[in-house]
Amino acid sequence: MSTLQDLLAQRADIEKQIANMQSEARAATIAKVRAMMAEFGLTAADISGKASSVRATSAVKAPSKVAAKYRNNATGDTWTGRGLQPKWLKAALADGAKIEEFTI
């Protein structure tokens, strides 16, 4: 039967073997990835998902301004007709006004 010291020594040897195998597997994987990057002409930026500045600027469109369709003549507030109705328009409609009265 093994003693405690023998088992601890075996455990230390096994842990060293595990660490060595992990290190070898990692090195082999890194070599494969580098070879594939060279084969396909990829860079670290391509791998990380960060687009180059040329790609990023052409893919993103700046939001465009929309002309106002409705105006509150008393205050000069406007609304494009998109999104939720503003409070001033809701209040006026609730008081009996028609939305056509505010059309620009």
PDB file of N, CA and C in Angstrom:
ATOM      1  N   MET A   1       0.832  -1.180   0.000  1.00  0.00           N
ATOM      2  CA  MET A   1       0.000   0.000   0.000  1.00  0.00           C
ATOM      3  C   MET A   1       0.881   1.249   0.000  1.00  0.00           C
ATOM      4  N   SER A   2       0.426   2.269  -0.715  1.00  0.00           N
ATOM      5  CA  SER A   2       1.201   3.504  -0.850  1.00  0.00           C
ATOM      6  C   SER A   2       1.054   4.352   0.403  1.00  0.00           C
ATOM      7  N   THR A   3       2.086   5.094   0.679  1.00  0.00           N
ATOM      8  CA  THR A   3       2.024   6.011   1.805  1.00  0.00           C
ATOM      9  C   THR A   3       1.519   7.357   1.318  1.00  0.00           C
ATOM     10  N   LEU A   4       1.221   8.191   2.263  1.00  0.00           N
ATOM     11  CA  LEU A   4       0.730   9.529   1.934  1.00  0.00           C
ATOM     12  C   LEU A   4       1.781  10.302   1.131  1.00  0.00           C
ATOM     13  N   GLN A   5       3.047  10.167   1.506  1.00  0.00           N
ATOM     14  CA  GLN A   5       4.115  10.864   0.794  1.00  0.00           C
ATOM     15  C   GLN A   5       4.221  10.387  -0.655  1.00  0.00           C
ATOM     16  N   ASP A   6       4.045   9.084  -0.882  1.00  0.00           N
ATOM     17  CA  ASP A   6       4.096   8.540  -2.242  1.00  0.00           C
ATOM     18  C   ASP A   6       2.954   9.100  -3.089  1.00  0.00           C
ATOM     19  N   LEU A   7       1.779   9.141  -2.506  1.00  0.00           N
ATOM     20  CA  LEU A   7       0.610   9.655  -3.240  1.00  0.00           C
ATOM     21  C   LEU A   7       0.773  11.143  -3.559  1.00  0.00           C
ATOM     22  N   LEU A   8       1.297  11.911  -2.607  1.00  0.00           N
ATOM     23  CA  LEU A   8       1.515  13.341  -2.864  1.00  0.00           C
ATOM     24  C   LEU A   8       2.562  13.552  -3.948  1.00  0.00           C
ATOM     25  N   ALA A   9       3.589  12.718  -3.963  1.00  0.00           N
ATOM     26  CA  ALA A   9       4.609  12.813  -5.000  1.00  0.00           C
ATOM     27  C   ALA A   9       4.022  12.469  -6.362  1.00  0.00           C
ATOM     28  N   GLN A  10       3.175  11.434  -6.405  1.00  0.00           N
ATOM     29  CA  GLN A  10       2.511  11.058  -7.666  1.00  0.00           C
ATOM     30  C   GLN A  10       1.608  12.200  -8.150  1.00  0.00           C
ATOM     31  N   ARG A  11       0.908  12.794  -7.195  1.00  0.00           N
ATOM     32  CA  ARG A  11       0.020  13.906  -7.549  1.00  0.00           C
ATOM     33  C   ARG A  11       0.827  15.070  -8.129  1.00  0.00           C
ATOM     34  N   ALA A  12       1.970  15.386  -7.521  1.00  0.00           N
ATOM     35  CA  ALA A  12       2.812  16.473  -8.031  1.00  0.00           C
ATOM     36  C   ALA A  12       3.314  16.157  -9.432  1.00  0.00           C
ATOM     37  N   ASP A  13       3.704  14.904  -9.668  1.00  0.00           N
ATOM     38  CA  ASP A  13       4.165  14.499 -11.002  1.00  0.00           C
ATOM     39  C   ASP A  13       3.044  14.611 -12.027  1.00  0.00           C
ATOM     40  N   ILE A  14       1.854  14.184 -11.653  1.00  0.00           N
ATOM     41  CA  ILE A  14       0.703  14.251 -12.568  1.00  0.00           C
ATOM     42  C   ILE A  14       0.358  15.707 -12.875  1.00  0.00           C
ATOM     43  N   GLU A  15       0.401  16.565 -11.878  1.00  0.00           N
ATOM     44  CA  GLU A  15       0.103  17.980 -12.108  1.00  0.00           C
ATOM     45  C   GLU A  15       1.136  18.615 -13.044  1.00  0.00           C
ATOM     46  N   LYS A  16       2.388  18.216 -12.918  1.00  0.00           N
ATOM     47  CA  LYS A  16       3.430  18.707 -13.830  1.00  0.00           C
ATOM     48  C   LYS A  16       3.161  18.224 -15.252  1.00  0.00           C
ATOM     49  N   GLN A  17       2.764  16.956 -15.392  1.00  0.00           N
ATOM     50  CA  GLN A  17       2.458  16.409 -16.712  1.00  0.00           C
ATOM     51  C   GLN A  17       1.266  17.138 -17.335  1.00  0.00           C
ATOM     52  N   ILE A  18       0.259  17.410 -16.522  1.00  0.00           N
ATOM     53  CA  ILE A  18      -0.926  18.142 -17.010  1.00  0.00           C
ATOM     54  C   ILE A  18      -0.507  19.532 -17.487  1.00  0.00           C
ATOM     55  N   ALA A  19       0.299  20.236 -16.698  1.00  0.00           N
ATOM     56  CA  ALA A  19       0.743  21.580 -17.072  1.00  0.00           C
ATOM     57  C   ALA A  19       1.556  21.546 -18.360  1.00  0.00           C
ATOM     58  N   ASN A  20       2.422  20.560 -18.505  1.00  0.00           N
ATOM     59  CA  ASN A  20       3.226  20.442 -19.719  1.00  0.00           C
ATOM     60  C   ASN A  20       2.359  20.163 -20.938  1.00  0.00           C
ATOM     61  N   MET A  21       1.386  19.266 -20.791  1.00  0.00           N
ATOM     62  CA  MET A  21       0.503  18.944 -21.923  1.00  0.00           C
ATOM     63  C   MET A  21      -0.338  20.152 -22.312  1.00  0.00           C
ATOM     64  N   GLN A  22      -0.828  20.907 -21.317  1.00  0.00           N
ATOM     65  CA  GLN A  22      -1.609  22.103 -21.620  1.00  0.00           C
ATOM     66  C   GLN A  22      -0.752  23.124 -22.350  1.00  0.00           C
ATOM     67  N   SER A  23       0.487  23.276 -21.917  1.00  0.00           N
ATOM     68  CA  SER A  23       1.386  24.229 -22.551  1.00  0.00           C
ATOM     69  C   SER A  23       1.684  23.828 -23.994  1.00  0.00           C
ATOM     70  N   GLU A  24       1.910  22.545 -24.226  1.00  0.00           N
ATOM     71  CA  GLU A  24       2.175  22.053 -25.581  1.00  0.00           C
ATOM     72  C   GLU A  24       0.956  22.228 -26.481  1.00  0.00           C
ATOM     73  N   ALA A  25      -0.227  21.914 -25.943  1.00  0.00           N
ATOM     74  CA  ALA A  25      -1.456  22.057 -26.731  1.00  0.00           C
ATOM     75  C   ALA A  25      -1.697  23.523 -27.079  1.00  0.00           C
ATOM     76  N   ARG A  26      -1.437  24.410 -26.134  1.00  0.00           N
ATOM     77  CA  ARG A  26      -1.620  25.837 -26.372  1.00  0.00           C
ATOM     78  C   ARG A  26      -0.656  26.326 -27.452  1.00  0.00           C
ATOM     79  N   ALA A  27       0.605  25.890 -27.356  1.00  0.00           N
ATOM     80  CA  ALA A  27       1.606  26.304 -28.348  1.00  0.00           C
ATOM     81  C   ALA A  27       1.240  25.788 -29.730  1.00  0.00           C
ATOM     82  N   ALA A  28       0.751  24.559 -29.809  1.00  0.00           N
ATOM     83  CA  ALA A  28       0.356  23.994 -31.107  1.00  0.00           C
ATOM     84  C   ALA A  28      -0.836  24.750 -31.684  1.00  0.00           C
ATOM     85  N   THR A  29      -1.779  25.111 -30.843  1.00  0.00           N
ATOM     86  CA  THR A  29      -2.952  25.851 -31.301  1.00  0.00           C
ATOM     87  C   THR A  29      -2.561  27.234 -31.794  1.00  0.00           C
ATOM     88  N   ILE A  30      -1.682  27.905 -31.074  1.00  0.00           N
ATOM     89  CA  ILE A  30      -1.214  29.230 -31.495  1.00  0.00           C
ATOM     90  C   ILE A  30      -0.507  29.129 -32.846  1.00  0.00           C
ATOM     91  N   ALA A  31       0.290  28.094 -33.034  1.00  0.00           N
ATOM     92  CA  ALA A  31       0.980  27.911 -34.318  1.00  0.00           C
ATOM     93  C   ALA A  31      -0.016  27.702 -35.450  1.00  0.00           C
ATOM     94  N   LYS A  32      -1.067  26.916 -35.205  1.00  0.00           N
ATOM     95  CA  LYS A  32      -2.098  26.691 -36.230  1.00  0.00           C
ATOM     96  C   LYS A  32      -2.815  27.997 -36.572  1.00  0.00           C
ATOM     97  N   VAL A  33      -3.163  28.759 -35.551  1.00  0.00           N
ATOM     98  CA  VAL A  33      -3.869  30.022 -35.782  1.00  0.00           C
ATOM     99  C   VAL A  33      -2.988  30.984 -36.567  1.00  0.00           C
ATOM    100  N   ARG A  34      -1.716  31.078 -36.206  1.00  0.00           N
ATOM    101  CA  ARG A  34      -0.804  31.970 -36.940  1.00  0.00           C
ATOM    102  C   ARG A  34      -0.669  31.539 -38.395  1.00  0.00           C
ATOM    103  N   ALA A  35      -0.607  30.235 -38.615  1.00  0.00           N
ATOM    104  CA  ALA A  35      -0.499  29.735 -39.990  1.00  0.00           C
ATOM    105  C   ALA A  35      -1.753  30.085 -40.786  1.00  0.00           C
ATOM    106  N   MET A  36      -2.917  29.932 -40.167  1.00  0.00           N
ATOM    107  CA  MET A  36      -4.164  30.264 -40.866  1.00  0.00           C
ATOM    108  C   MET A  36      -4.272  31.764 -41.118  1.00  0.00           C
ATOM    109  N   MET A  37      -3.824  32.578 -40.157  1.00  0.00           N
ATOM    110  CA  MET A  37      -3.842  34.025 -40.356  1.00  0.00           C
ATOM    111  C   MET A  37      -2.952  34.414 -41.526  1.00  0.00           C
ATOM    112  N   ALA A  38      -1.786  33.800 -41.614  1.00  0.00           N
ATOM    113  CA  ALA A  38      -0.875  34.095 -42.725  1.00  0.00           C
ATOM    114  C   ALA A  38      -1.470  33.623 -44.048  1.00  0.00           C
ATOM    115  N   GLU A  39      -2.110  32.475 -44.023  1.00  0.00           N
ATOM    116  CA  GLU A  39      -2.694  31.917 -45.252  1.00  0.00           C
ATOM    117  C   GLU A  39      -3.800  32.804 -45.802  1.00  0.00           C
ATOM    118  N   PHE A  40      -4.625  33.367 -44.912  1.00  0.00           N
ATOM    119  CA  PHE A  40      -5.763  34.173 -45.352  1.00  0.00           C
ATOM    120  C   PHE A  40      -5.509  35.677 -45.263  1.00  0.00           C
ATOM    121  N   GLY A  41      -4.320  36.076 -44.861  1.00  0.00           N
ATOM    122  CA  GLY A  41      -3.985  37.493 -44.796  1.00  0.00           C
ATOM    123  C   GLY A  41      -4.737  38.247 -43.714  1.00  0.00           C
ATOM    124  N   LEU A  42      -4.982  37.606 -42.595  1.00  0.00           N
ATOM    125  CA  LEU A  42      -5.730  38.231 -41.510  1.00  0.00           C
ATOM    126  C   LEU A  42      -4.794  38.919 -40.535  1.00  0.00           C
ATOM    127  N   THR A  43      -5.331  39.940 -39.852  1.00  0.00           N
ATOM    128  CA  THR A  43      -4.580  40.638 -38.814  1.00  0.00           C
ATOM    129  C   THR A  43      -5.269  40.420 -37.475  1.00  0.00           C
ATOM    130  N   ALA A  44      -4.609  40.872 -36.417  1.00  0.00           N
ATOM    131  CA  ALA A  44      -5.211  40.750 -35.085  1.00  0.00           C
ATOM    132  C   ALA A  44      -6.507  41.547 -35.004  1.00  0.00           C
ATOM    133  N   ALA A  45      -6.589  42.677 -35.701  1.00  0.00           N
ATOM    134  CA  ALA A  45      -7.821  43.474 -35.712  1.00  0.00           C
ATOM    135  C   ALA A  45      -8.961  42.701 -36.371  1.00  0.00           C
ATOM    136  N   ASP A  46      -8.660  41.935 -37.404  1.00  0.00           N
ATOM    137  CA  ASP A  46      -9.688  41.117 -38.043  1.00  0.00           C
ATOM    138  C   ASP A  46     -10.208  40.065 -37.072  1.00  0.00           C
ATOM    139  N   ILE A  47      -9.328  39.484 -36.321  1.00  0.00           N
ATOM    140  CA  ILE A  47      -9.707  38.427 -35.389  1.00  0.00           C
ATOM    141  C   ILE A  47     -10.515  38.986 -34.229  1.00  0.00           C
ATOM    142  N   SER A  48     -10.144  40.163 -33.727  1.00  0.00           N
ATOM    143  CA  SER A  48     -10.826  40.733 -32.567  1.00  0.00           C
ATOM    144  C   SER A  48     -12.188  41.303 -32.923  1.00  0.00           C
ATOM    145  N   GLY A  49     -12.492  41.451 -34.198  1.00  0.00           N
ATOM    146  CA  GLY A  49     -13.792  41.960 -34.614  1.00  0.00           C
ATOM    147  C   GLY A  49     -13.832  43.457 -34.774  1.00  0.00           C
ATOM    148  N   LYS A  50     -12.731  44.136 -34.561  1.00  0.00           N
ATOM    149  CA  LYS A  50     -12.700  45.584 -34.734  1.00  0.00           C
ATOM    150  C   LYS A  50     -12.495  45.882 -36.204  1.00  0.00           C
ATOM    151  N   ALA A  51     -13.419  46.633 -36.778  1.00  0.00           N
ATOM    152  CA  ALA A  51     -13.330  46.970 -38.204  1.00  0.00           C
ATOM    153  C   ALA A  51     -12.350  48.117 -38.394  1.00  0.00           C
ATOM    154  N   SER A  52     -11.771  48.174 -39.556  1.00  0.00           N
ATOM    155  CA  SER A  52     -10.879  49.290 -39.862  1.00  0.00           C
ATOM    156  C   SER A  52     -11.706  50.554 -40.008  1.00  0.00           C
ATOM    157  N   SER A  53     -11.064  51.690 -39.952  1.00  0.00           N
ATOM    158  CA  SER A  53     -11.784  52.958 -39.996  1.00  0.00           C
ATOM    159  C   SER A  53     -12.509  53.157 -41.320  1.00  0.00           C
ATOM    160  N   VAL A  54     -11.996  52.610 -42.408  1.00  0.00           N
ATOM    161  CA  VAL A  54     -12.654  52.750 -43.707  1.00  0.00           C
ATOM    162  C   VAL A  54     -13.973  51.982 -43.702  1.00  0.00           C
ATOM    163  N   ARG A  55     -13.948  50.770 -43.195  1.00  0.00           N
ATOM    164  CA  ARG A  55     -15.166  49.966 -43.151  1.00  0.00           C
ATOM    165  C   ARG A  55     -16.185  50.554 -42.188  1.00  0.00           C
ATOM    166  N   ALA A  56     -15.719  51.030 -41.058  1.00  0.00           N
ATOM    167  CA  ALA A  56     -16.639  51.533 -40.033  1.00  0.00           C
ATOM    168  C   ALA A  56     -17.366  52.777 -40.506  1.00  0.00           C
ATOM    169  N   THR A  57     -16.674  53.690 -41.185  1.00  0.00           N
ATOM    170  CA  THR A  57     -17.320  54.927 -41.584  1.00  0.00           C
ATOM    171  C   THR A  57     -18.289  54.711 -42.744  1.00  0.00           C
ATOM    172  N   SER A  58     -18.012  53.766 -43.618  1.00  0.00           N
ATOM    173  CA  SER A  58     -18.915  53.555 -44.737  1.00  0.00           C
ATOM    174  C   SER A  58     -20.149  52.767 -44.331  1.00  0.00           C
ATOM    175  N   ALA A  59     -20.059  51.985 -43.258  1.00  0.00           N
ATOM    176  CA  ALA A  59     -21.185  51.162 -42.847  1.00  0.00           C
ATOM    177  C   ALA A  59     -22.167  51.924 -41.963  1.00  0.00           C
ATOM    178  N   VAL A  60     -21.719  52.966 -41.282  1.00  0.00           N
ATOM    179  CA  VAL A  60     -22.563  53.694 -40.351  1.00  0.00           C
ATOM    180  C   VAL A  60     -23.081  54.948 -41.034  1.00  0.00           C
ATOM    181  N   LYS A  61     -24.402  55.105 -41.027  1.00  0.00           N
ATOM    182  CA  LYS A  61     -25.001  56.297 -41.613  1.00  0.00           C
ATOM    183  C   LYS A  61     -25.365  57.269 -40.500  1.00  0.00           C
ATOM    184  N   ALA A  62     -25.144  58.522 -40.761  1.00  0.00           N
ATOM    185  CA  ALA A  62     -25.523  59.540 -39.799  1.00  0.00           C
ATOM    186  C   ALA A  62     -27.043  59.708 -39.852  1.00  0.00           C
ATOM    187  N   PRO A  63     -27.678  59.914 -38.704  1.00  0.00           N
ATOM    188  CA  PRO A  63     -29.125  60.104 -38.716  1.00  0.00           C
ATOM    189  C   PRO A  63     -29.488  61.369 -39.478  1.00  0.00           C
ATOM    190  N   SER A  64     -30.540  61.280 -40.252  1.00  0.00           N
ATOM    191  CA  SER A  64     -30.948  62.436 -41.043  1.00  0.00           C
ATOM    192  C   SER A  64     -32.032  63.215 -40.307  1.00  0.00           C
ATOM    193  N   LYS A  65     -32.041  64.508 -40.534  1.00  0.00           N
ATOM    194  CA  LYS A  65     -33.050  65.371 -39.931  1.00  0.00           C
ATOM    195  C   LYS A  65     -34.333  65.259 -40.738  1.00  0.00           C
ATOM    196  N   VAL A  66     -35.453  65.298 -40.044  1.00  0.00           N
ATOM    197  CA  VAL A  66     -36.753  65.234 -40.681  1.00  0.00           C
ATOM    198  C   VAL A  66     -37.435  66.580 -40.489  1.00  0.00           C
ATOM    199  N   ALA A  67     -38.033  67.078 -41.547  1.00  0.00           N
ATOM    200  CA  ALA A  67     -38.716  68.372 -41.475  1.00  0.00           C
ATOM    201  C   ALA A  67     -39.947  68.264 -40.585  1.00  0.00           C
ATOM    202  N   ALA A  68     -40.226  69.345 -39.882  1.00  0.00           N
ATOM    203  CA  ALA A  68     -41.395  69.384 -39.004  1.00  0.00           C
ATOM    204  C   ALA A  68     -42.670  69.415 -39.841  1.00  0.00           C
ATOM    205  N   LYS A  69     -43.700  68.717 -39.387  1.00  0.00           N
ATOM    206  CA  LYS A  69     -44.988  68.693 -40.086  1.00  0.00           C
ATOM    207  C   LYS A  69     -46.058  69.476 -39.333  1.00  0.00           C
ATOM    208  N   TYR A  70     -45.850  69.625 -38.025  1.00  0.00           N
ATOM    209  CA  TYR A  70     -46.866  70.284 -37.202  1.00  0.00           C
ATOM    210  C   TYR A  70     -46.215  71.365 -36.351  1.00  0.00           C
ATOM    211  N   ARG A  71     -46.939  72.510 -36.186  1.00  0.00           N
ATOM    212  CA  ARG A  71     -46.414  73.617 -35.392  1.00  0.00           C
ATOM    213  C   ARG A  71     -47.503  74.159 -34.493  1.00  0.00           C
ATOM    214  N   ASN A  72     -47.100  74.457 -33.270  1.00  0.00           N
ATOM    215  CA  ASN A  72     -47.978  75.145 -32.335  1.00  0.00           C
ATOM    216  C   ASN A  72     -47.765  76.635 -32.575  1.00  0.00           C
ATOM    217  N   ASN A  73     -48.746  77.299 -33.159  1.00  0.00           N
ATOM    218  CA  ASN A  73     -48.584  78.712 -33.519  1.00  0.00           C
ATOM    219  C   ASN A  73     -48.435  79.598 -32.298  1.00  0.00           C
ATOM    220  N   ALA A  74     -48.972  79.178 -31.173  1.00  0.00           N
ATOM    221  CA  ALA A  74     -48.877  80.005 -29.968  1.00  0.00           C
ATOM    222  C   ALA A  74     -47.453  80.016 -29.408  1.00  0.00           C
ATOM    223  N   THR A  75     -46.783  78.879 -29.417  1.00  0.00           N
ATOM    224  CA  THR A  75     -45.455  78.807 -28.809  1.00  0.00           C
ATOM    225  C   THR A  75     -44.330  78.624 -29.823  1.00  0.00           C
ATOM    226  N   GLY A  76     -44.640  78.173 -31.021  1.00  0.00           N
ATOM    227  CA  GLY A  76     -43.627  77.929 -32.026  1.00  0.00           C
ATOM    228  C   GLY A  76     -43.034  76.523 -31.943  1.00  0.00           C
ATOM    229  N   ASP A  77     -43.513  75.692 -31.009  1.00  0.00           N
ATOM    230  CA  ASP A  77     -43.037  74.312 -30.900  1.00  0.00           C
ATOM    231  C   ASP A  77     -43.440  73.539 -32.138  1.00  0.00           C
ATOM    232  N   THR A  78     -42.586  72.607 -32.546  1.00  0.00           N
ATOM    233  CA  THR A  78     -42.863  71.810 -33.734  1.00  0.00           C
ATOM    234  C   THR A  78     -42.767  70.325 -33.410  1.00  0.00           C
ATOM    235  N   TRP A  79     -43.339  69.532 -34.317  1.00  0.00           N
ATOM    236  CA  TRP A  79     -43.287  68.077 -34.216  1.00  0.00           C
ATOM    237  C   TRP A  79     -43.185  67.511 -35.629  1.00  0.00           C
ATOM    238  N   THR A  80     -42.339  66.495 -35.805  1.00  0.00           N
ATOM    239  CA  THR A  80     -42.126  65.917 -37.133  1.00  0.00           C
ATOM    240  C   THR A  80     -43.209  64.935 -37.525  1.00  0.00           C
ATOM    241  N   GLY A  81     -43.996  64.487 -36.582  1.00  0.00           N
ATOM    242  CA  GLY A  81     -45.006  63.479 -36.872  1.00  0.00           C
ATOM    243  C   GLY A  81     -44.495  62.079 -36.575  1.00  0.00           C
ATOM    244  N   ARG A  82     -43.263  61.990 -36.124  1.00  0.00           N
ATOM    245  CA  ARG A  82     -42.666  60.705 -35.771  1.00  0.00           C
ATOM    246  C   ARG A  82     -42.578  60.572 -34.258  1.00  0.00           C
ATOM    247  N   GLY A  83     -42.740  59.362 -33.788  1.00  0.00           N
ATOM    248  CA  GLY A  83     -42.640  59.123 -32.350  1.00  0.00           C
ATOM    249  C   GLY A  83     -43.908  59.536 -31.645  1.00  0.00           C
ATOM    250  N   LEU A  84     -43.809  59.641 -30.337  1.00  0.00           N
ATOM    251  CA  LEU A  84     -44.967  60.018 -29.530  1.00  0.00           C
ATOM    252  C   LEU A  84     -45.344  61.469 -29.777  1.00  0.00           C
ATOM    253  N   GLN A  85     -46.635  61.757 -29.682  1.00  0.00           N
ATOM    254  CA  GLN A  85     -47.091  63.136 -29.834  1.00  0.00           C
ATOM    255  C   GLN A  85     -46.604  63.945 -28.637  1.00  0.00           C
ATOM    256  N   PRO A  86     -46.173  65.173 -28.883  1.00  0.00           N
ATOM    257  CA  PRO A  86     -45.747  66.015 -27.767  1.00  0.00           C
ATOM    258  C   PRO A  86     -46.936  66.415 -26.896  1.00  0.00           C
ATOM    259  N   LYS A  87     -46.635  66.818 -25.676  1.00  0.00           N
ATOM    260  CA  LYS A  87     -47.692  67.163 -24.712  1.00  0.00           C
ATOM    261  C   LYS A  87     -48.571  68.299 -25.200  1.00  0.00           C
ATOM    262  N   TRP A  88     -47.979  69.292 -25.838  1.00  0.00           N
ATOM    263  CA  TRP A  88     -48.779  70.423 -26.305  1.00  0.00           C
ATOM    264  C   TRP A  88     -49.808  70.002 -27.338  1.00  0.00           C
ATOM    265  N   LEU A  89     -49.443  69.042 -28.198  1.00  0.00           N
ATOM    266  CA  LEU A  89     -50.377  68.572 -29.219  1.00  0.00           C
ATOM    267  C   LEU A  89     -51.448  67.681 -28.602  1.00  0.00           C
ATOM    268  N   LYS A  90     -51.051  66.825 -27.693  1.00  0.00           N
ATOM    269  CA  LYS A  90     -52.032  65.971 -27.011  1.00  0.00           C
ATOM    270  C   LYS A  90     -53.065  66.809 -26.275  1.00  0.00           C
ATOM    271  N   ALA A  91     -52.593  67.840 -25.578  1.00  0.00           N
ATOM    272  CA  ALA A  91     -53.505  68.700 -24.820  1.00  0.00           C
ATOM    273  C   ALA A  91     -54.469  69.425 -25.757  1.00  0.00           C
ATOM    274  N   ALA A  92     -53.947  69.910 -26.884  1.00  0.00           N
ATOM    275  CA  ALA A  92     -54.802  70.623 -27.834  1.00  0.00           C
ATOM    276  C   ALA A  92     -55.826  69.682 -28.453  1.00  0.00           C
ATOM    277  N   LEU A  93     -55.428  68.477 -28.787  1.00  0.00           N
ATOM    278  CA  LEU A  93     -56.363  67.497 -29.353  1.00  0.00           C
ATOM    279  C   LEU A  93     -57.411  67.093 -28.327  1.00  0.00           C
ATOM    280  N   ALA A  94     -57.008  66.999 -27.073  1.00  0.00           N
ATOM    281  CA  ALA A  94     -57.955  66.658 -26.014  1.00  0.00           C
ATOM    282  C   ALA A  94     -58.978  67.775 -25.815  1.00  0.00           C
ATOM    283  N   ASP A  95     -58.583  69.026 -26.074  1.00  0.00           N
ATOM    284  CA  ASP A  95     -59.488  70.168 -25.944  1.00  0.00           C
ATOM    285  C   ASP A  95     -60.399  70.330 -27.152  1.00  0.00           C
ATOM    286  N   GLY A  96     -60.282  69.451 -28.141  1.00  0.00           N
ATOM    287  CA  GLY A  96     -61.188  69.493 -29.277  1.00  0.00           C
ATOM    288  C   GLY A  96     -60.557  69.991 -30.575  1.00  0.00           C
ATOM    289  N   ALA A  97     -59.310  70.348 -30.563  1.00  0.00           N
ATOM    290  CA  ALA A  97     -58.672  70.831 -31.789  1.00  0.00           C
ATOM    291  C   ALA A  97     -58.432  69.637 -32.720  1.00  0.00           C
ATOM    292  N   LYS A  98     -58.312  69.935 -34.005  1.00  0.00           N
ATOM    293  CA  LYS A  98     -58.016  68.901 -34.997  1.00  0.00           C
ATOM    294  C   LYS A  98     -56.550  69.013 -35.386  1.00  0.00           C
ATOM    295  N   ILE A  99     -55.947  67.868 -35.678  1.00  0.00           N
ATOM    296  CA  ILE A  99     -54.516  67.844 -35.986  1.00  0.00           C
ATOM    297  C   ILE A  99     -54.220  68.643 -37.258  1.00  0.00           C
ATOM    298  N   GLU A 100     -55.193  68.746 -38.164  1.00  0.00           N
ATOM    299  CA  GLU A 100     -54.988  69.510 -39.389  1.00  0.00           C
ATOM    300  C   GLU A 100     -54.741  70.996 -39.107  1.00  0.00           C
ATOM    301  N   GLU A 101     -55.215  71.475 -37.971  1.00  0.00           N
ATOM    302  CA  GLU A 101     -55.031  72.875 -37.611  1.00  0.00           C
ATOM    303  C   GLU A 101     -53.549  73.195 -37.346  1.00  0.00           C
ATOM    304  N   PHE A 102     -52.749  72.182 -37.047  1.00  0.00           N
ATOM    305  CA  PHE A 102     -51.359  72.392 -36.702  1.00  0.00           C
ATOM    306  C   PHE A 102     -50.405  72.060 -37.859  1.00  0.00           C
ATOM    307  N   THR A 103     -50.950  71.626 -38.984  1.00  0.00           N
ATOM    308  CA  THR A 103     -50.111  71.256 -40.130  1.00  0.00           C
ATOM    309  C   THR A 103     -49.393  72.488 -40.668  1.00  0.00           C
ATOM    310  N   ILE A 104     -48.133  72.303 -40.967  1.00  0.00           N
ATOM    311  CA  ILE A 104     -47.327  73.415 -41.507  1.00  0.00           C
ATOM    312  C   ILE A 104     -47.562  73.500 -43.001  1.00  0.00           C
TER     313      ILE A 104
END
